[in-house]
Amino acid sequence: GGSDAPPPAAAAGPNIIERTAEIVEGASNVLNTLTGGGSSGGSGGDDKQAASPKALSRMTKKDLQAECDERGVDRMGKVAELRVRLRAARKAEAEAVKANAKKNRK
């Protein structure tokens, strides 16, 4: 007979994706802290996203999709997939800011 239960690897998949995404977000937060997180300089009035991005783990799917649109990232998929994409986009942006700051110091 057949079993309707998913294979163990498939059941663990989303949990692994979520955990990996949490680790990446934590690393991104550390990087933002080390680079100043965009909190220095300028009035900082309207661009709240750059100064202090909302935790992706607390965002609704609608919010995640809106940020995907803002960053030019694919907005289709499950919440965990959107979080992974956005964490990667945030990390890449933070690294670009850090590289630019380092270049400007020379």
Protein backbone atom coordinates (compact mmCIF):
# COMPACT_ATOMS: atom_id res chain seq x y z
CA GLY A 1 0.00 0.00 0.00
CA GLY A 2 0.89 3.64 -0.43
CA SER A 3 1.47 6.17 2.28
CA ASP A 4 0.09 9.70 2.19
CA ALA A 5 2.80 11.00 4.54
CA PRO A 6 5.49 13.15 2.90
CA PRO A 7 9.04 11.87 2.99
CA PRO A 8 10.99 13.13 6.02
CA ALA A 9 13.27 15.32 3.89
CA ALA A 10 10.31 17.12 2.32
CA ALA A 11 8.75 17.75 5.72
CA ALA A 12 12.03 19.20 7.04
CA GLY A 13 12.58 21.42 3.97
CA PRO A 14 10.65 24.53 5.04
CA ASN A 15 12.16 24.35 8.53
CA ILE A 16 15.66 24.23 7.07
CA ILE A 17 14.88 27.17 4.78
CA GLU A 18 13.45 29.18 7.70
CA ARG A 19 16.47 28.44 9.90
CA THR A 20 18.92 29.31 7.14
CA ALA A 21 17.02 32.53 6.53
CA GLU A 22 17.18 33.38 10.26
CA ILE A 23 20.94 32.84 10.26
CA VAL A 24 21.38 35.04 7.19
CA GLU A 25 19.21 37.75 8.75
CA GLY A 26 21.28 37.63 11.93
CA ALA A 27 24.50 37.97 9.94
CA SER A 28 22.97 40.84 7.99
CA ASN A 29 22.03 42.58 11.24
CA VAL A 30 25.59 42.21 12.51
CA LEU A 31 26.91 43.63 9.24
CA ASN A 32 24.49 46.56 9.47
CA THR A 33 25.65 47.23 13.02
CA LEU A 34 29.31 47.15 12.00
CA THR A 35 28.75 49.44 9.00
CA GLY A 36 26.55 51.87 10.90
CA GLY A 37 23.32 50.60 9.37
CA GLY A 38 22.77 53.82 7.44
CA SER A 39 21.92 55.75 10.60
CA SER A 40 24.64 58.36 10.14
CA GLY A 41 24.42 61.47 8.00
CA GLY A 42 21.51 63.27 6.37
CA SER A 43 18.13 64.00 7.80
CA GLY A 44 16.95 60.41 7.45
CA GLY A 45 13.35 61.62 7.31
CA ASP A 46 11.45 59.61 4.72
CA ASP A 47 13.76 56.63 4.15
CA LYS A 48 12.98 54.57 7.24
CA GLN A 49 13.63 51.32 5.34
CA ALA A 50 17.35 52.06 4.88
CA ALA A 51 17.93 53.33 8.41
CA SER A 52 16.19 50.51 10.24
CA PRO A 53 14.67 47.75 8.11
CA LYS A 54 11.75 45.93 9.67
CA ALA A 55 12.51 42.35 10.73
CA LEU A 56 11.47 40.09 7.88
CA SER A 57 10.29 37.49 10.38
CA ARG A 58 7.64 39.96 11.56
CA MET A 59 6.42 41.03 8.12
CA THR A 60 3.23 39.78 6.47
CA LYS A 61 3.35 38.24 3.02
CA LYS A 62 1.87 41.46 1.61
CA ASP A 63 4.65 43.50 3.25
CA LEU A 64 7.30 41.06 2.01
CA GLN A 65 5.93 41.30 -1.53
CA ALA A 66 5.95 45.10 -1.34
CA GLU A 67 9.62 45.10 -0.32
CA CYS A 68 10.35 42.58 -3.09
CA ASP A 69 8.82 45.05 -5.56
CA GLU A 70 10.90 47.93 -4.11
CA ARG A 71 14.10 45.92 -4.43
CA GLY A 72 13.35 44.38 -7.82
CA VAL A 73 13.22 40.87 -6.36
CA ASP A 74 10.81 38.12 -7.51
CA ARG A 75 7.65 38.50 -5.39
CA MET A 76 6.16 35.07 -6.14
CA GLY A 77 6.44 32.13 -3.76
CA LYS A 78 5.97 31.14 -0.16
CA VAL A 79 6.72 33.50 2.72
CA ALA A 80 9.92 31.59 3.60
CA GLU A 81 11.14 31.93 0.01
CA LEU A 82 10.41 35.68 -0.01
CA ARG A 83 12.32 36.08 3.25
CA VAL A 84 15.35 34.25 1.84
CA ARG A 85 15.35 36.47 -1.27
CA LEU A 86 14.95 39.66 0.73
CA ARG A 87 17.65 38.71 3.23
CA ALA A 88 20.03 38.11 0.33
CA ALA A 89 19.03 41.45 -1.24
CA ARG A 90 19.49 43.28 2.07
CA LYS A 91 22.85 41.62 2.60
CA ALA A 92 24.03 42.53 -0.90
CA GLU A 93 22.93 46.12 -0.33
CA ALA A 94 24.73 46.29 3.03
CA GLU A 95 27.90 44.88 1.46
CA ALA A 96 27.70 47.46 -1.35
CA VAL A 97 27.30 50.26 1.21
CA LYS A 98 30.25 48.90 3.19
CA ALA A 99 32.42 48.61 0.05
CA ASN A 100 31.47 52.14 -1.00
CA ALA A 101 32.29 53.52 2.45
CA LYS A 102 35.63 51.73 2.40
CA LYS A 103 36.37 53.12 -1.08
CA ASN A 104 35.48 56.65 0.05
CA ARG A 105 37.88 56.44 3.03
CA LYS A 106 40.89 56.02 0.72
